[in-house]
Structure formats: C-alpha cells, structure tokens
Protein backbone atom coordinates (compact mmCIF):
# COMPACT_ATOMS: atom_id res chain seq x y z
CA UNK A 1 159.24 96.22 85.30
CA UNK A 2 156.45 97.90 86.95
CA UNK A 3 158.26 100.90 87.85
CA UNK A 4 159.48 101.46 83.99
CA UNK A 5 155.76 100.71 83.17
CA UNK A 6 154.38 103.19 85.44
CA UNK A 7 156.73 106.11 84.66
CA UNK A 8 155.75 105.79 80.81
CA UNK A 9 152.76 105.59 81.88
CA UNK A 10 152.85 108.95 83.21
CA UNK A 11 155.28 110.05 80.50
CA UNK A 12 152.57 109.80 77.85
CA UNK A 13 149.93 111.47 79.83
CA UNK A 14 152.28 114.44 80.67
CA UNK A 15 153.69 115.09 76.68
CA UNK A 16 149.82 114.42 75.73
CA UNK A 17 149.83 118.01 73.75
CA UNK A 18 153.54 117.57 72.34
CA UNK A 19 152.44 113.60 71.11
CA UNK A 20 148.64 114.58 69.46
CA UNK A 21 149.67 117.07 66.74
CA UNK A 22 152.60 114.09 65.83
CA UNK A 23 150.57 111.43 65.37
CA UNK A 24 146.59 112.91 64.91
CA UNK A 25 146.02 115.52 61.57
CA UNK A 26 143.34 117.08 64.33
CA UNK A 27 143.89 117.10 68.10
CA UNK A 28 140.51 116.36 69.48
CA UNK A 29 139.14 115.68 73.26
CA UNK A 30 138.75 111.59 71.86
CA UNK A 31 142.58 111.75 70.39
CA UNK A 32 143.57 112.60 74.04
CA UNK A 33 141.57 110.49 75.76
CA UNK A 34 143.14 107.91 73.44
CA UNK A 35 146.41 108.28 74.10
CA UNK A 36 146.26 108.19 77.77
CA UNK A 37 144.31 105.46 77.84
CA UNK A 38 146.96 103.09 75.46
CA UNK A 39 149.44 104.44 77.58
CA UNK A 40 147.69 103.17 80.99
CA UNK A 41 148.68 99.81 79.30
CA UNK A 42 152.33 99.40 79.76
CA UNK A 43 152.83 98.03 83.12
CA UNK A 44 150.16 95.67 82.15
CA UNK A 45 151.76 94.69 79.03
CA UNK A 46 155.09 94.21 80.83
CA UNK A 47 153.71 92.09 83.78
CA UNK A 48 152.36 89.81 80.57
CA UNK A 49 155.90 89.82 79.15
CA UNK A 50 157.20 88.46 82.24
CA UNK A 51 154.60 86.10 82.93
CA UNK A 52 154.63 84.82 79.61
CA UNK A 53 158.64 84.43 79.60
CA UNK A 54 158.48 82.70 82.90
CA UNK A 55 155.97 80.43 81.57
CA UNK A 56 158.14 79.69 78.69
CA UNK A 57 161.14 78.71 80.47
CA UNK A 58 158.80 76.05 82.67
CA UNK A 59 158.45 74.30 79.37
CA UNK A 60 154.60 75.27 79.25
CA UNK A 61 154.68 76.99 76.17
CA UNK A 62 150.94 76.38 75.02
CA UNK A 63 149.93 77.86 78.00
CA UNK A 64 151.98 80.96 77.37
CA UNK A 65 150.85 81.25 73.59
CA UNK A 66 147.46 80.95 74.65
CA UNK A 67 147.61 83.24 77.09
CA UNK A 68 149.12 86.00 75.15
CA UNK A 69 146.17 85.50 73.10
CA UNK A 70 143.73 86.36 75.50
CA UNK A 71 143.71 90.20 75.74
CA UNK A 72 142.53 89.66 72.16
CA UNK A 73 140.11 87.61 72.59
CA UNK A 74 138.93 90.16 75.50
CA UNK A 75 139.08 93.19 72.85
CA UNK A 76 137.28 91.49 70.37
CA UNK A 77 134.46 90.55 72.68
CA UNK A 78 133.99 93.87 74.45
CA UNK A 79 134.23 95.56 71.04
CA UNK A 80 131.14 93.09 69.70
CA UNK A 81 129.18 93.88 73.03
CA UNK A 82 129.62 97.76 72.56
CA UNK A 83 128.54 97.17 69.14
CA UNK A 84 124.99 95.14 69.86
CA UNK A 85 124.35 97.63 72.37
CA UNK A 86 125.01 100.43 70.52
CA UNK A 87 127.54 102.22 71.98
CA UNK A 88 130.74 101.50 69.35
CA UNK A 89 132.91 105.30 69.38
CA UNK A 90 135.95 106.61 68.65
CA UNK A 91 136.93 105.26 72.09
CA UNK A 92 135.72 101.90 72.17
CA UNK A 93 138.80 100.13 70.39
CA UNK A 94 141.60 102.06 72.97
CA UNK A 95 139.42 101.29 76.04
CA UNK A 96 138.95 97.87 74.91
CA UNK A 97 142.82 97.53 74.21
CA UNK A 98 143.14 99.09 78.10
CA UNK A 99 140.56 96.30 79.27
CA UNK A 100 142.36 93.89 77.57
CA UNK A 101 145.59 93.64 78.75
CA UNK A 102 144.70 95.43 82.00
CA UNK A 103 142.77 92.36 83.03
CA UNK A 104 145.19 89.59 81.36
CA UNK A 105 147.88 91.68 82.78
CA UNK A 106 146.98 92.13 86.10
CA UNK A 107 146.23 88.03 86.23
CA UNK A 108 149.86 88.16 85.03
CA UNK A 109 151.03 90.32 87.95
CA UNK A 110 149.42 87.82 90.47
CA UNK A 111 150.45 84.80 88.87
CA UNK A 112 154.36 86.27 89.11
CA UNK A 113 153.56 87.27 92.47
CA UNK A 114 151.93 83.87 93.87
CA UNK A 115 154.05 81.61 91.97
CA UNK A 116 157.24 82.58 91.25
CA UNK A 117 158.58 84.92 93.38
CA UNK A 118 159.22 82.64 96.38
CA UNK A 119 162.04 83.22 99.05
CA UNK A 120 164.00 80.74 97.21
CA UNK A 121 163.73 82.08 93.41
CA UNK A 122 164.74 85.59 94.94
CA UNK A 123 168.39 83.58 95.50
CA UNK A 124 168.15 82.13 92.46
CA UNK A 125 167.87 85.46 90.94
CA UNK A 126 170.80 86.63 92.66
CA UNK A 127 172.98 83.61 92.03
CA UNK A 128 172.16 83.67 88.13
CA UNK A 129 173.59 87.33 87.70
CA UNK A 130 176.80 86.31 88.81
CA UNK A 131 177.16 83.22 86.21
CA UNK A 132 179.18 84.00 82.83
CA UNK A 133 177.29 82.19 80.69
CA UNK A 134 173.77 84.06 82.06
CA UNK A 135 175.64 87.44 81.28
CA UNK A 136 177.03 85.82 77.90
CA UNK A 137 173.06 84.93 76.98
CA UNK A 138 172.30 88.35 77.79
CA UNK A 139 174.83 90.44 75.23
CA UNK A 140 173.29 87.88 72.73
CA UNK A 141 169.50 88.38 73.69
CA UNK A 142 170.85 92.01 73.33
CA UNK A 143 171.66 91.56 69.82
CA UNK A 144 169.04 89.99 68.80
CA UNK A 145 166.70 92.72 70.43
CA UNK A 146 167.63 95.03 67.89
CA UNK A 147 165.94 93.82 65.31
CA UNK A 148 162.35 93.76 68.06
CA UNK A 149 163.71 97.56 68.21
CA UNK A 150 164.16 98.23 64.42
CA UNK A 151 160.10 96.46 63.71
CA UNK A 152 158.96 98.61 66.54
CA UNK A 153 160.15 101.49 65.00
CA UNK A 154 158.68 100.39 61.62
CA UNK A 155 155.21 100.25 63.67
CA UNK A 156 156.11 103.89 64.28
CA UNK A 157 156.75 105.30 61.47
CA UNK A 158 153.75 103.68 59.80
CA UNK A 159 151.13 104.59 62.36
CA UNK A 160 152.84 108.32 61.89
CA UNK A 161 152.25 108.58 58.43
CA UNK A 162 148.78 106.52 59.01
CA UNK A 163 147.45 108.93 61.61
CA UNK A 164 148.03 112.04 59.34
CA UNK A 165 144.65 110.77 57.33
CA UNK A 166 142.77 110.62 60.74
CA UNK A 167 141.89 108.48 63.97
CA UNK A 168 138.91 106.99 62.21
CA UNK A 169 141.44 105.48 59.54
CA UNK A 170 143.76 104.18 62.24
CA UNK A 171 140.88 102.74 64.77
CA UNK A 172 139.05 100.76 61.50
CA UNK A 173 142.77 99.31 60.58
CA UNK A 174 143.97 98.46 64.00
CA UNK A 175 140.77 96.94 64.85
CA UNK A 176 140.47 94.75 61.83
CA UNK A 177 144.30 93.83 62.70
CA UNK A 178 142.99 92.61 66.05
CA UNK A 179 140.30 90.61 64.98
CA UNK A 180 142.19 89.11 61.92
CA UNK A 181 145.15 87.97 64.41
CA UNK A 182 142.38 86.16 66.88
CA UNK A 183 143.25 83.18 64.51
CA UNK A 184 146.94 83.31 64.06
CA UNK A 185 147.33 83.98 68.37
CA UNK A 186 144.82 81.69 69.40
CA UNK A 187 144.82 78.89 66.97
CA UNK A 188 147.65 79.00 64.32
CA UNK A 189 150.77 80.15 67.30
CA UNK A 190 149.44 77.10 69.57
CA UNK A 191 149.04 74.27 67.08
CA UNK A 192 152.55 75.21 65.28
CA UNK A 193 154.08 74.98 69.06
CA UNK A 194 152.78 71.38 68.99
CA UNK A 195 153.68 70.49 66.26
CA UNK A 196 157.48 71.64 66.91
CA UNK A 197 157.33 69.66 70.56
CA UNK A 198 156.44 66.62 69.10
C-alpha cells in the first residue's frame, strides 16, 4: 500500500502539467500546488483504509467509524483556525486535507506496525492466502469493488466539469461538503453501527 501510494504521489507530481488543463479552466501556481498537496495524501489514505479495515475485522466497528471521521474534523479545525487568523486562501483547503489525512494516516501506519504486524500475524497472512474460501471471498470482493470504481469515476467526471468553472467553485463546494459530512461521519455512522450491533 505504501509503495502504491508513493508511486501515485510521484505520478501526480510528474504529470501535473498534463493534469492541470483537464481539471481547471486557468492553470496557475496555486492550482499546481493544490494538485501536488492532494497527491501527497495517497499513502496516508491507504494506511487509514487498511487500519480501518483491520479494526472492523477485530469487531471494533464504532472505533473504526470514529477514526475514519477524524481527518475531516482536523480539516475543519484547521480551516477555522486559518479563518480566525485571517490566513484563509486558495491553498487552505488542500493543505487542510493534507494535514487531516496525513496526521490520522500516520497514526494508522503506527497502529498497524506496532500492533498488527507481529511474527504470528505474518504467518497468518501467508496461511490465509492458501485458503480456497479466502480466494473465493476476494473474487466476491473484487466484483463488489466495481461499484466503488463506478462511483469514483462519476465523482471524477463531476469534478472535471465543475472545475471548468474555476478552482474557487470546487474549493467552496468541497469545503461545504467536508463540513457537512462531519455530522454523518462522527455521529450518524457510529450511531447506526451501534443500532445494528444491538
């Protein structure tokens, strides 16, 4: 996951001159810095996803749902601090995204390395891949992942067309969406998990 995340980050930085005209109406140094900052979050997001997945597998659903919402909370707090100090600008949103997912993703990596990757767990991982039922599960998981691919492609097209209106419109909508998602990610989803568990 780390290798894949770092590779995507390097590709994003390398192909920034090609990507900018596709996703912004007027490429600028700010939009280039935005793309690089967002590209740097690939590895932390992968770490967070792996940690949330292993936490759910351990039966700690509420903790996993809460931690998944923490990056958005950090983003919002940083945006409020920047607003109060009068430093809110075009790079505030991508930098808050980088900080939010960077901090929580780094904690996720620490959690994985410190608690999950013991010698016994490595043996368990190798043995699991030999199981026919696990390979069957991966086939089902791959099929269900097509839905996520379609959703991501839809969001990418949406951003592509909205970006033609300028990066300010995208930043404003993304900021509003992140703030609006706080209630769902920090309260709504954990409560729904609690009800389902009951």
